[in-house]
Amino acid sequence: METNIVKLSQAQEEWIYEQCGSKNVIFMSIHGSHLYGLNREGSDIDIKAIYCPSKEDLLMGRALKTYNKSNEELDIEIELKSLSSFLNSALKADTNCMDLLHTPDEFILSKSCVWGNIVECRSDLYSKNMKGLIGYIKTHTHKYSNKIKRYEEMSKLLHKIKFCGFKNCTIEYFVTSSEFLDFDFKYIKTVNQVSDHEQKYLEVCGKKYIYTWDISQLVEALENELKRYGKRTQAGADTGLDTKALSHAVRVLCELEEVITDGTITFPLKDREHIMAIKNGAIPLGRVMDEIDGRYDHCMELLAYSSLPAESDLSRILTVTKDYVFFGRRH
């Protein structure tokens, strides 16, 4: 797969300057699918930037602020993160921070001297307890699989109400019918609550609907909830998985393994063709989940037997950034 470095239009460059021109930006780069080599036709441009807060910001407690801006017309979005916030996240080996610290020059839009000093110390963040990378993998694997299951159950419930022609009745009438009782739901159940008196509800994926509601009210509420879940979840329910979310889990596993074995992360990703196949839904769910389990166990074993320290160390990075922020020293 060829590497195509995205070229910004003049309009995009002008928009970026409008968002960041007033800040002391010490680093800015292309991020997301274009950095990973996973961009498709129509992929928007994701920009990450880090700015140094002013001394006034530090004194007034505004040093952790992050700005997120997007422009749909120009297909571009930017996250402008303060250096203070970046350092807090970097200590946990946050995935985005690790990406930025390994971004090749061809993806970098601007950088100051202090950024080079920070990058020289990036290996200090490698440890056996890289919470950001490991936590991301766990979260993205489990959160989205549960989200798909909730979407599927809600869809089945809505289909059952409509297919069986329930009209002009209460939720209680529907719940006591054989059509409802035939289902073995995990995220849909009946609940009783007692305050001054007992009330019965139908709980659907964490939201409660009182028995006395008309069934048409429930239908409207479910339709609104399903819209909220978004197109990506619907696509995941249709194919059996949220391909984009699971491709990110595999991506971060690949990054984690490369950090442990080679002490770096390569962009565009070495395994981008395989990860793109997952993202496009070309690999069955079972194989993807087995791969995630296998890669995760392998990484945990590599970490356990590695010579990496128990925790990340931010001390050298703090030294160079303090010199820059407080004394203006440019090494």
C-alpha atoms as a PDB file:
ATOM      1  CA  MET A   1       0.000   0.000   0.000  1.00  0.00           C
ATOM      2  CA  GLU A   2       1.417   3.350  -0.995  1.00  0.00           C
ATOM      3  CA  THR A   3       1.765   6.169   1.492  1.00  0.00           C
ATOM      4  CA  ASN A   4      -0.183   9.236   0.436  1.00  0.00           C
ATOM      5  CA  ILE A   5       0.645  12.289   2.517  1.00  0.00           C
ATOM      6  CA  VAL A   6      -2.415  14.517   2.622  1.00  0.00           C
ATOM      7  CA  LYS A   7      -1.987  17.987   1.125  1.00  0.00           C
ATOM      8  CA  LEU A   8      -3.917  20.791   2.787  1.00  0.00           C
ATOM      9  CA  SER A   9      -5.754  23.283   0.637  1.00  0.00           C
ATOM     10  CA  GLN A  10      -5.245  27.003   1.140  1.00  0.00           C
ATOM     11  CA  ALA A  11      -8.733  27.233   2.661  1.00  0.00           C
ATOM     12  CA  GLN A  12      -7.874  24.483   5.154  1.00  0.00           C
ATOM     13  CA  GLU A  13      -4.582  26.153   6.073  1.00  0.00           C
ATOM     14  CA  GLU A  14      -6.352  29.481   6.607  1.00  0.00           C
ATOM     15  CA  TRP A  15      -8.998  27.803   8.782  1.00  0.00           C
ATOM     16  CA  ILE A  16      -6.316  26.130  10.918  1.00  0.00           C
ATOM     17  CA  TYR A  17      -4.596  29.485  11.423  1.00  0.00           C
ATOM     18  CA  GLU A  18      -7.914  31.019  12.513  1.00  0.00           C
ATOM     19  CA  GLN A  19      -8.231  28.347  15.210  1.00  0.00           C
ATOM     20  CA  CYS A  20      -4.622  28.373  16.423  1.00  0.00           C
ATOM     21  CA  GLY A  21      -3.103  31.724  15.461  1.00  0.00           C
ATOM     22  CA  SER A  22      -3.513  33.236  18.913  1.00  0.00           C
ATOM     23  CA  LYS A  23      -1.901  30.266  20.704  1.00  0.00           C
ATOM     24  CA  ASN A  24       1.756  29.441  21.251  1.00  0.00           C
ATOM     25  CA  VAL A  25       1.616  26.162  19.298  1.00  0.00           C
ATOM     26  CA  ILE A  26       4.676  23.988  19.880  1.00  0.00           C
ATOM     27  CA  PHE A  27       3.545  21.065  17.721  1.00  0.00           C
ATOM     28  CA  MET A  28       0.966  20.366  15.018  1.00  0.00           C
ATOM     29  CA  SER A  29       0.551  17.343  12.799  1.00  0.00           C
ATOM     30  CA  ILE A  30      -1.740  15.234  10.649  1.00  0.00           C
ATOM     31  CA  HIS A  31      -3.319  12.518  12.769  1.00  0.00           C
ATOM     32  CA  GLY A  32      -5.963   9.820  12.482  1.00  0.00           C
ATOM     33  CA  SER A  33      -6.488   7.609   9.451  1.00  0.00           C
ATOM     34  CA  HIS A  34      -4.090   9.594   7.250  1.00  0.00           C
ATOM     35  CA  LEU A  35      -1.263   9.071   9.763  1.00  0.00           C
ATOM     36  CA  TYR A  36      -2.078   5.386  10.245  1.00  0.00           C
ATOM     37  CA  GLY A  37      -2.385   4.703   6.514  1.00  0.00           C
ATOM     38  CA  LEU A  38      -6.034   3.700   7.005  1.00  0.00           C
ATOM     39  CA  ASN A  39      -7.679   6.574   5.169  1.00  0.00           C
ATOM     40  CA  ARG A  40     -10.368   5.852   2.592  1.00  0.00           C
ATOM     41  CA  GLU A  41     -11.931   8.046  -0.054  1.00  0.00           C
ATOM     42  CA  GLY A  42     -13.807  10.765   1.785  1.00  0.00           C
ATOM     43  CA  SER A  43     -11.853  10.399   5.054  1.00  0.00           C
ATOM     44  CA  ASP A  44     -11.729  13.761   6.784  1.00  0.00           C
ATOM     45  CA  ILE A  45      -8.476  15.343   7.909  1.00  0.00           C
ATOM     46  CA  ASP A  46      -7.701  15.067  11.606  1.00  0.00           C
ATOM     47  CA  ILE A  47      -5.218  17.577  13.054  1.00  0.00           C
ATOM     48  CA  LYS A  48      -3.673  17.416  16.521  1.00  0.00           C
ATOM     49  CA  ALA A  49      -1.902  20.413  18.007  1.00  0.00           C
ATOM     50  CA  ILE A  50      -0.251  21.177  21.345  1.00  0.00           C
ATOM     51  CA  TYR A  51       0.067  24.698  22.666  1.00  0.00           C
ATOM     52  CA  CYS A  52       2.061  26.096  25.538  1.00  0.00           C
ATOM     53  CA  PRO A  53      -0.226  27.853  28.049  1.00  0.00           C
ATOM     54  CA  SER A  54       0.726  31.370  29.020  1.00  0.00           C
ATOM     55  CA  LYS A  55       1.921  32.201  32.525  1.00  0.00           C
ATOM     56  CA  GLU A  56      -1.432  33.912  33.053  1.00  0.00           C
ATOM     57  CA  ASP A  57      -3.220  30.673  32.104  1.00  0.00           C
ATOM     58  CA  LEU A  58      -1.069  28.792  34.606  1.00  0.00           C
ATOM     59  CA  LEU A  59      -1.797  31.263  37.402  1.00  0.00           C
ATOM     60  CA  MET A  60      -5.535  31.365  36.688  1.00  0.00           C
ATOM     61  CA  GLY A  61      -5.957  27.587  36.464  1.00  0.00           C
ATOM     62  CA  ARG A  62      -6.684  27.499  32.712  1.00  0.00           C
ATOM     63  CA  ALA A  63      -3.642  25.423  31.805  1.00  0.00           C
ATOM     64  CA  LEU A  64      -5.521  22.161  31.132  1.00  0.00           C
ATOM     65  CA  LYS A  65      -7.898  23.488  28.514  1.00  0.00           C
ATOM     66  CA  THR A  66      -8.441  21.584  25.255  1.00  0.00           C
ATOM     67  CA  TYR A  67     -10.224  23.043  22.232  1.00  0.00           C
ATOM     68  CA  ASN A  68     -12.015  20.928  19.628  1.00  0.00           C
ATOM     69  CA  LYS A  69     -13.089  22.521  16.365  1.00  0.00           C
ATOM     70  CA  SER A  70     -14.433  21.066  13.124  1.00  0.00           C
ATOM     71  CA  ASN A  71     -15.373  22.347   9.704  1.00  0.00           C
ATOM     72  CA  GLU A  72     -17.640  19.955   7.793  1.00  0.00           C
ATOM     73  CA  GLU A  73     -17.465  22.015   4.622  1.00  0.00           C
ATOM     74  CA  LEU A  74     -13.668  21.629   4.533  1.00  0.00           C
ATOM     75  CA  ASP A  75     -13.696  18.037   5.905  1.00  0.00           C
ATOM     76  CA  ILE A  76     -11.262  18.917   8.666  1.00  0.00           C
ATOM     77  CA  GLU A  77     -11.186  18.906  12.451  1.00  0.00           C
ATOM     78  CA  ILE A  78      -8.589  19.943  14.981  1.00  0.00           C
ATOM     79  CA  GLU A  79      -7.879  19.218  18.622  1.00  0.00           C
ATOM     80  CA  LEU A  80      -5.800  21.927  20.283  1.00  0.00           C
ATOM     81  CA  LYS A  81      -4.492  20.515  23.548  1.00  0.00           C
ATOM     82  CA  SER A  82      -2.551  22.381  26.202  1.00  0.00           C
ATOM     83  CA  LEU A  83       0.960  21.201  27.039  1.00  0.00           C
ATOM     84  CA  SER A  84      -0.158  20.654  30.651  1.00  0.00           C
ATOM     85  CA  SER A  85      -2.973  18.350  29.538  1.00  0.00           C
ATOM     86  CA  PHE A  86      -0.640  16.556  27.132  1.00  0.00           C
ATOM     87  CA  LEU A  87       1.867  15.835  29.907  1.00  0.00           C
ATOM     88  CA  ASN A  88      -0.841  14.456  32.193  1.00  0.00           C
ATOM     89  CA  SER A  89      -1.997  12.117  29.419  1.00  0.00           C
ATOM     90  CA  ALA A  90       1.519  11.182  28.326  1.00  0.00           C
ATOM     91  CA  LEU A  91       2.343   9.875  31.800  1.00  0.00           C
ATOM     92  CA  LYS A  92      -0.401   7.270  31.288  1.00  0.00           C
ATOM     93  CA  ALA A  93       0.882   6.422  27.787  1.00  0.00           C
ATOM     94  CA  ASP A  94      -2.320   7.747  26.254  1.00  0.00           C
ATOM     95  CA  THR A  95      -2.689   6.445  22.692  1.00  0.00           C
ATOM     96  CA  ASN A  96      -2.942   9.876  21.048  1.00  0.00           C
ATOM     97  CA  CYS A  97       0.087  11.150  22.959  1.00  0.00           C
ATOM     98  CA  MET A  98       2.135   8.122  21.945  1.00  0.00           C
ATOM     99  CA  ASP A  99       1.078   8.666  18.331  1.00  0.00           C
ATOM    100  CA  LEU A 100       2.203  12.294  18.409  1.00  0.00           C
ATOM    101  CA  LEU A 101       5.553  11.448  19.971  1.00  0.00           C
ATOM    102  CA  HIS A 102       6.291   9.039  17.096  1.00  0.00           C
ATOM    103  CA  THR A 103       4.893  11.106  14.214  1.00  0.00           C
ATOM    104  CA  PRO A 104       7.346  11.246  11.272  1.00  0.00           C
ATOM    105  CA  ASP A 105       8.441  14.625   9.935  1.00  0.00           C
ATOM    106  CA  GLU A 106       6.436  14.254   6.716  1.00  0.00           C
ATOM    107  CA  PHE A 107       3.196  14.423   8.734  1.00  0.00           C
ATOM    108  CA  ILE A 108       4.276  17.342  10.948  1.00  0.00           C
ATOM    109  CA  LEU A 109       2.895  20.762  10.026  1.00  0.00           C
ATOM    110  CA  SER A 110       4.898  22.747  12.577  1.00  0.00           C
ATOM    111  CA  LYS A 111       7.058  22.166  15.649  1.00  0.00           C
ATOM    112  CA  SER A 112       9.219  24.178  18.027  1.00  0.00           C
ATOM    113  CA  CYS A 113      12.597  23.322  19.505  1.00  0.00           C
ATOM    114  CA  VAL A 114      11.067  22.136  22.791  1.00  0.00           C
ATOM    115  CA  TRP A 115       9.096  19.447  20.957  1.00  0.00           C
ATOM    116  CA  GLY A 116      12.336  17.882  19.743  1.00  0.00           C
ATOM    117  CA  ASN A 117      13.571  17.799  23.339  1.00  0.00           C
ATOM    118  CA  ILE A 118      10.354  16.106  24.467  1.00  0.00           C
ATOM    119  CA  VAL A 119      10.597  13.483  21.706  1.00  0.00           C
ATOM    120  CA  GLU A 120      14.162  12.642  22.769  1.00  0.00           C
ATOM    121  CA  CYS A 121      12.746  11.567  26.147  1.00  0.00           C
ATOM    122  CA  ARG A 122       9.760   9.570  24.840  1.00  0.00           C
ATOM    123  CA  SER A 123      11.264   6.189  25.751  1.00  0.00           C
ATOM    124  CA  ASP A 124      10.921   7.203  29.419  1.00  0.00           C
ATOM    125  CA  LEU A 125       7.173   6.666  28.981  1.00  0.00           C
ATOM    126  CA  TYR A 126       7.585   2.999  28.016  1.00  0.00           C
ATOM    127  CA  SER A 127       6.781   0.817  31.007  1.00  0.00           C
ATOM    128  CA  LYS A 128       5.029  -2.362  32.103  1.00  0.00           C
ATOM    129  CA  ASN A 129       2.049  -0.237  33.154  1.00  0.00           C
ATOM    130  CA  MET A 130       1.110   1.725  30.031  1.00  0.00           C
ATOM    131  CA  LYS A 131      -2.470   2.332  31.157  1.00  0.00           C
ATOM    132  CA  GLY A 132      -3.500   4.403  28.159  1.00  0.00           C
ATOM    133  CA  LEU A 133      -2.618   1.845  25.504  1.00  0.00           C
ATOM    134  CA  ILE A 134      -3.844  -1.181  27.462  1.00  0.00           C
ATOM    135  CA  GLY A 135      -7.018   0.534  28.683  1.00  0.00           C
ATOM    136  CA  TYR A 136      -7.884   1.689  25.168  1.00  0.00           C
ATOM    137  CA  ILE A 137      -7.772  -1.878  23.875  1.00  0.00           C
ATOM    138  CA  LYS A 138     -10.035  -3.183  26.645  1.00  0.00           C
ATOM    139  CA  THR A 139     -12.497  -0.318  26.331  1.00  0.00           C
ATOM    140  CA  HIS A 140     -12.858  -0.398  22.559  1.00  0.00           C
ATOM    141  CA  THR A 141     -13.253  -4.170  22.402  1.00  0.00           C
ATOM    142  CA  HIS A 142     -15.915  -4.481  25.090  1.00  0.00           C
ATOM    143  CA  LYS A 143     -17.750  -1.166  24.822  1.00  0.00           C
ATOM    144  CA  TYR A 144     -18.630  -1.501  21.172  1.00  0.00           C
ATOM    145  CA  SER A 145     -19.554  -5.179  21.309  1.00  0.00           C
ATOM    146  CA  ASN A 146     -21.997  -4.364  24.142  1.00  0.00           C
ATOM    147  CA  LYS A 147     -23.265  -1.350  22.229  1.00  0.00           C
ATOM    148  CA  ILE A 148     -24.070  -3.535  19.237  1.00  0.00           C
ATOM    149  CA  LYS A 149     -25.894  -6.063  21.434  1.00  0.00           C
ATOM    150  CA  ARG A 150     -27.992  -3.276  22.979  1.00  0.00           C
ATOM    151  CA  TYR A 151     -28.804  -1.934  19.531  1.00  0.00           C
ATOM    152  CA  GLU A 152     -29.833  -5.400  18.350  1.00  0.00           C
ATOM    153  CA  GLU A 153     -32.090  -6.019  21.350  1.00  0.00           C
ATOM    154  CA  MET A 154     -33.754  -2.621  21.057  1.00  0.00           C
ATOM    155  CA  SER A 155     -34.330  -3.232  17.342  1.00  0.00           C
ATOM    156  CA  LYS A 156     -35.861  -6.652  18.035  1.00  0.00           C
ATOM    157  CA  LEU A 157     -38.188  -5.158  20.630  1.00  0.00           C
ATOM    158  CA  LEU A 158     -39.322  -2.398  18.269  1.00  0.00           C
ATOM    159  CA  HIS A 159     -39.825  -4.902  15.440  1.00  0.00           C
ATOM    160  CA  LYS A 160     -41.898  -7.170  17.692  1.00  0.00           C
ATOM    161  CA  ILE A 161     -44.205  -4.308  18.718  1.00  0.00           C
ATOM    162  CA  LYS A 162     -44.767  -3.276  15.105  1.00  0.00           C
ATOM    163  CA  PHE A 163     -44.867  -6.742  13.556  1.00  0.00           C
ATOM    164  CA  CYS A 164     -47.427  -8.047  16.024  1.00  0.00           C
ATOM    165  CA  GLY A 165     -49.602  -4.995  15.495  1.00  0.00           C
ATOM    166  CA  PHE A 166     -49.715  -3.675  19.041  1.00  0.00           C
ATOM    167  CA  LYS A 167     -51.772  -0.462  18.992  1.00  0.00           C
ATOM    168  CA  ASN A 168     -53.900   1.475  21.457  1.00  0.00           C
ATOM    169  CA  CYS A 169     -52.604  -0.451  24.443  1.00  0.00           C
ATOM    170  CA  THR A 170     -50.310   0.194  27.381  1.00  0.00           C
ATOM    171  CA  ILE A 171     -46.750  -0.984  27.867  1.00  0.00           C
ATOM    172  CA  GLU A 172     -48.052  -3.232  30.653  1.00  0.00           C
ATOM    173  CA  TYR A 173     -50.394  -4.995  28.242  1.00  0.00           C
ATOM    174  CA  PHE A 174     -47.538  -5.651  25.817  1.00  0.00           C
ATOM    175  CA  VAL A 175     -45.119  -6.821  28.531  1.00  0.00           C
ATOM    176  CA  THR A 176     -47.592  -9.421  29.805  1.00  0.00           C
ATOM    177  CA  SER A 177     -48.204 -10.782  26.283  1.00  0.00           C
ATOM    178  CA  SER A 178     -46.658 -14.003  25.036  1.00  0.00           C
ATOM    179  CA  GLU A 179     -44.871 -12.110  22.237  1.00  0.00           C
ATOM    180  CA  PHE A 180     -42.743 -10.267  24.789  1.00  0.00           C
ATOM    181  CA  LEU A 181     -42.239 -13.263  27.074  1.00  0.00           C
ATOM    182  CA  ASP A 182     -40.903 -15.346  24.162  1.00  0.00           C
ATOM    183  CA  PHE A 183     -37.697 -13.278  24.101  1.00  0.00           C
ATOM    184  CA  ASP A 184     -34.661 -13.943  26.284  1.00  0.00           C
ATOM    185  CA  PHE A 185     -33.367 -10.379  26.630  1.00  0.00           C
ATOM    186  CA  LYS A 186     -30.163  -9.353  28.385  1.00  0.00           C
ATOM    187  CA  TYR A 187     -30.573  -5.554  28.343  1.00  0.00           C
ATOM    188  CA  ILE A 188     -34.383  -5.383  28.537  1.00  0.00           C
ATOM    189  CA  LYS A 189     -36.272  -6.280  31.717  1.00  0.00           C
ATOM    190  CA  THR A 190     -39.186  -5.338  33.944  1.00  0.00           C
ATOM    191  CA  VAL A 191     -38.448  -3.498  37.198  1.00  0.00           C
ATOM    192  CA  ASN A 192     -40.410  -2.388  40.260  1.00  0.00           C
ATOM    193  CA  GLN A 193     -39.615   0.796  42.161  1.00  0.00           C
ATOM    194  CA  VAL A 194     -41.114   1.694  45.517  1.00  0.00           C
ATOM    195  CA  SER A 195     -41.134   5.207  46.965  1.00  0.00           C
ATOM    196  CA  ASP A 196     -44.569   6.336  48.320  1.00  0.00           C
ATOM    197  CA  HIS A 197     -46.091   3.546  46.215  1.00  0.00           C
ATOM    198  CA  GLU A 198     -44.973   0.830  43.873  1.00  0.00           C
ATOM    199  CA  GLN A 199     -44.422   1.654  40.192  1.00  0.00           C
ATOM    200  CA  LYS A 200     -43.702  -0.841  37.427  1.00  0.00           C
ATOM    201  CA  TYR A 201     -41.441  -0.073  34.463  1.00  0.00           C
ATOM    202  CA  LEU A 202     -40.015  -1.635  31.351  1.00  0.00           C
ATOM    203  CA  GLU A 203     -36.267  -0.990  31.381  1.00  0.00           C
ATOM    204  CA  VAL A 204     -34.664  -0.907  27.921  1.00  0.00           C
ATOM    205  CA  CYS A 205     -30.862  -0.655  27.838  1.00  0.00           C
ATOM    206  CA  GLY A 206     -30.800   1.356  31.070  1.00  0.00           C
ATOM    207  CA  LYS A 207     -33.811   3.637  30.388  1.00  0.00           C
ATOM    208  CA  LYS A 208     -37.088   3.109  32.225  1.00  0.00           C
ATOM    209  CA  TYR A 209     -40.556   3.453  30.685  1.00  0.00           C
ATOM    210  CA  ILE A 210     -43.568   3.406  33.014  1.00  0.00           C
ATOM    211  CA  TYR A 211     -46.168   0.680  32.437  1.00  0.00           C
ATOM    212  CA  THR A 212     -48.990   3.200  32.022  1.00  0.00           C
ATOM    213  CA  TRP A 213     -47.448   4.706  28.876  1.00  0.00           C
ATOM    214  CA  ASP A 214     -49.246   4.071  25.621  1.00  0.00           C
ATOM    215  CA  ILE A 215     -47.327   1.673  23.387  1.00  0.00           C
ATOM    216  CA  SER A 216     -47.052   4.418  20.737  1.00  0.00           C
ATOM    217  CA  GLN A 217     -45.021   6.500  23.205  1.00  0.00           C
ATOM    218  CA  LEU A 218     -42.632   3.609  23.691  1.00  0.00           C
ATOM    219  CA  VAL A 219     -42.282   3.157  19.916  1.00  0.00           C
ATOM    220  CA  GLU A 220     -41.381   6.831  19.500  1.00  0.00           C
ATOM    221  CA  ALA A 221     -38.873   6.683  22.357  1.00  0.00           C
ATOM    222  CA  LEU A 222     -37.195   3.553  20.969  1.00  0.00           C
ATOM    223  CA  GLU A 223     -36.943   5.027  17.481  1.00  0.00           C
ATOM    224  CA  ASN A 224     -35.260   8.126  18.904  1.00  0.00           C
ATOM    225  CA  GLU A 225     -32.822   5.978  20.909  1.00  0.00           C
ATOM    226  CA  LEU A 226     -31.903   3.909  17.871  1.00  0.00           C
ATOM    227  CA  LYS A 227     -31.152   7.075  15.894  1.00  0.00           C
ATOM    228  CA  ARG A 228     -28.900   8.193  18.727  1.00  0.00           C
ATOM    229  CA  TYR A 229     -26.789   5.067  18.421  1.00  0.00           C
ATOM    230  CA  GLY A 230     -25.695   6.264  14.998  1.00  0.00           C
ATOM    231  CA  LYS A 231     -24.853   4.782  11.643  1.00  0.00           C
ATOM    232  CA  ARG A 232     -21.666   3.084  12.779  1.00  0.00           C
ATOM    233  CA  THR A 233     -23.490   0.964  15.356  1.00  0.00           C
ATOM    234  CA  GLN A 234     -26.184   0.073  12.834  1.00  0.00           C
ATOM    235  CA  ALA A 235     -23.500  -1.030  10.380  1.00  0.00           C
ATOM    236  CA  GLY A 236     -21.893  -3.066  13.146  1.00  0.00           C
ATOM    237  CA  ALA A 237     -25.203  -4.738  13.965  1.00  0.00           C
ATOM    238  CA  ASP A 238     -25.701  -5.588  10.286  1.00  0.00           C
ATOM    239  CA  THR A 239     -22.236  -7.136   9.912  1.00  0.00           C
ATOM    240  CA  GLY A 240     -21.855  -8.545  13.425  1.00  0.00           C
ATOM    241  CA  LEU A 241     -19.245  -6.066  14.658  1.00  0.00           C
ATOM    242  CA  ASP A 242     -18.270  -2.419  14.738  1.00  0.00           C
ATOM    243  CA  THR A 243     -15.434  -2.731  12.254  1.00  0.00           C
ATOM    244  CA  LYS A 244     -13.931   0.705  12.808  1.00  0.00           C
ATOM    245  CA  ALA A 245     -13.813   0.328  16.600  1.00  0.00           C
ATOM    246  CA  LEU A 246     -12.320  -3.155  16.441  1.00  0.00           C
ATOM    247  CA  SER A 247      -9.756  -2.074  13.838  1.00  0.00           C
ATOM    248  CA  HIS A 248      -8.637   0.577  16.318  1.00  0.00           C
ATOM    249  CA  ALA A 249      -8.240  -2.084  19.019  1.00  0.00           C
ATOM    250  CA  VAL A 250      -6.011  -4.138  16.690  1.00  0.00           C
ATOM    251  CA  ARG A 251      -4.130  -0.982  15.670  1.00  0.00           C
ATOM    252  CA  VAL A 252      -3.275  -0.100  19.261  1.00  0.00           C
ATOM    253  CA  LEU A 253      -2.258  -3.709  19.971  1.00  0.00           C
ATOM    254  CA  CYS A 254       0.153  -3.508  17.026  1.00  0.00           C
ATOM    255  CA  GLU A 255       1.532  -0.224  18.374  1.00  0.00           C
ATOM    256  CA  LEU A 256       1.936  -1.668  21.871  1.00  0.00           C
ATOM    257  CA  GLU A 257       3.782  -4.724  20.568  1.00  0.00           C
ATOM    258  CA  GLU A 258       6.133  -2.566  18.490  1.00  0.00           C
ATOM    259  CA  VAL A 259       6.908  -0.359  21.495  1.00  0.00           C
ATOM    260  CA  ILE A 260       7.783  -3.419  23.600  1.00  0.00           C
ATOM    261  CA  THR A 261       9.861  -5.193  20.961  1.00  0.00           C
ATOM    262  CA  ASP A 262      11.398  -2.346  18.930  1.00  0.00           C
ATOM    263  CA  GLY A 263      11.126   0.703  21.198  1.00  0.00           C
ATOM    264  CA  THR A 264       9.226   2.747  18.625  1.00  0.00           C
ATOM    265  CA  ILE A 265       5.990   3.059  16.630  1.00  0.00           C
ATOM    266  CA  THR A 266       6.138   3.208  12.838  1.00  0.00           C
ATOM    267  CA  PHE A 267       3.763   5.426  10.841  1.00  0.00           C
ATOM    268  CA  PRO A 268       2.101   4.672   8.531  1.00  0.00           C
ATOM    269  CA  LEU A 269       1.483   1.414  10.370  1.00  0.00           C
ATOM    270  CA  LYS A 270       3.386  -1.699   9.315  1.00  0.00           C
ATOM    271  CA  ASP A 271       0.191  -3.795   9.477  1.00  0.00           C
ATOM    272  CA  ARG A 272      -2.044  -1.212   7.825  1.00  0.00           C
ATOM    273  CA  GLU A 273      -3.232  -3.520   5.033  1.00  0.00           C
ATOM    274  CA  HIS A 274      -4.450  -6.105   7.544  1.00  0.00           C
ATOM    275  CA  ILE A 275      -6.025  -3.452   9.785  1.00  0.00           C
ATOM    276  CA  MET A 276      -7.733  -1.905   6.767  1.00  0.00           C
ATOM    277  CA  ALA A 277      -9.229  -5.319   5.959  1.00  0.00           C
ATOM    278  CA  ILE A 278     -10.718  -5.411   9.469  1.00  0.00           C
ATOM    279  CA  LYS A 279     -11.969  -1.834   9.120  1.00  0.00           C
ATOM    280  CA  ASN A 280     -13.653  -2.721   5.812  1.00  0.00           C
ATOM    281  CA  GLY A 281     -15.376  -5.754   7.334  1.00  0.00           C
ATOM    282  CA  ALA A 282     -13.446  -8.229   5.177  1.00  0.00           C
ATOM    283  CA  ILE A 283     -12.509 -10.423   8.156  1.00  0.00           C
ATOM    284  CA  PRO A 284     -15.222 -12.325  10.099  1.00  0.00           C
ATOM    285  CA  LEU A 285     -16.058 -11.302  13.648  1.00  0.00           C
ATOM    286  CA  GLY A 286     -14.830 -14.552  15.199  1.00  0.00           C
ATOM    287  CA  ARG A 287     -11.403 -14.222  13.635  1.00  0.00           C
ATOM    288  CA  VAL A 288     -11.092 -10.569  14.684  1.00  0.00           C
ATOM    289  CA  MET A 289     -12.051 -11.275  18.295  1.00  0.00           C
ATOM    290  CA  ASP A 290      -9.703 -14.297  18.419  1.00  0.00           C
ATOM    291  CA  GLU A 291      -6.922 -12.121  17.038  1.00  0.00           C
ATOM    292  CA  ILE A 292      -7.535  -9.417  19.646  1.00  0.00           C
ATOM    293  CA  ASP A 293      -7.478 -12.012  22.452  1.00  0.00           C
ATOM    294  CA  GLY A 294      -4.309 -13.603  21.083  1.00  0.00           C
ATOM    295  CA  ARG A 295      -2.486 -10.332  20.505  1.00  0.00           C
ATOM    296  CA  TYR A 296      -3.513  -9.040  23.932  1.00  0.00           C
ATOM    297  CA  ASP A 297      -2.222 -12.157  25.736  1.00  0.00           C
ATOM    298  CA  HIS A 298       0.987 -11.993  23.699  1.00  0.00           C
ATOM    299  CA  CYS A 299       1.551  -8.339  24.596  1.00  0.00           C
ATOM    300  CA  MET A 300       0.902  -8.979  28.281  1.00  0.00           C
ATOM    301  CA  GLU A 301       3.450 -11.801  28.200  1.00  0.00           C
ATOM    302  CA  LEU A 302       5.983  -9.610  26.398  1.00  0.00           C
ATOM    303  CA  LEU A 303       5.463  -6.874  28.984  1.00  0.00           C
ATOM    304  CA  ALA A 304       5.855  -9.270  31.910  1.00  0.00           C
ATOM    305  CA  TYR A 305       9.208 -10.555  30.642  1.00  0.00           C
ATOM    306  CA  SER A 306      10.498  -7.253  29.275  1.00  0.00           C
ATOM    307  CA  SER A 307      13.186  -5.139  30.913  1.00  0.00           C
ATOM    308  CA  LEU A 308      10.874  -2.105  30.951  1.00  0.00           C
ATOM    309  CA  PRO A 309      10.451  -0.280  34.285  1.00  0.00           C
ATOM    310  CA  ALA A 310       7.295  -0.771  36.336  1.00  0.00           C
ATOM    311  CA  GLU A 311       6.040   2.788  35.755  1.00  0.00           C
ATOM    312  CA  SER A 312       6.508   5.592  33.243  1.00  0.00           C
ATOM    313  CA  ASP A 313       8.899   8.413  34.164  1.00  0.00           C
ATOM    314  CA  LEU A 314       8.038  11.994  33.249  1.00  0.00           C
ATOM    315  CA  SER A 315      10.921  13.701  35.071  1.00  0.00           C
ATOM    316  CA  ARG A 316      13.184  14.430  32.066  1.00  0.00           C
ATOM    317  CA  ILE A 317      10.277  15.687  29.975  1.00  0.00           C
ATOM    318  CA  LEU A 318       9.155  17.918  32.837  1.00  0.00           C
ATOM    319  CA  THR A 319      12.651  19.389  33.098  1.00  0.00           C
ATOM    320  CA  VAL A 320      12.817  20.469  29.454  1.00  0.00           C
ATOM    321  CA  THR A 321       9.241  21.760  29.418  1.00  0.00           C
ATOM    322  CA  LYS A 322       9.660  23.733  32.658  1.00  0.00           C
ATOM    323  CA  ASP A 323      12.747  25.408  31.237  1.00  0.00           C
ATOM    324  CA  TYR A 324      10.772  26.366  28.138  1.00  0.00           C
ATOM    325  CA  VAL A 325       7.586  27.521  29.892  1.00  0.00           C
ATOM    326  CA  PHE A 326       9.073  29.445  32.799  1.00  0.00           C
ATOM    327  CA  PHE A 327      12.498  30.551  31.612  1.00  0.00           C
ATOM    328  CA  GLY A 328      12.193  30.561  27.829  1.00  0.00           C
ATOM    329  CA  ARG A 329      15.283  28.370  27.459  1.00  0.00           C
ATOM    330  CA  ARG A 330      15.545  26.844  24.023  1.00  0.00           C
ATOM    331  CA  HIS A 331      18.075  24.017  24.162  1.00  0.00           C
END
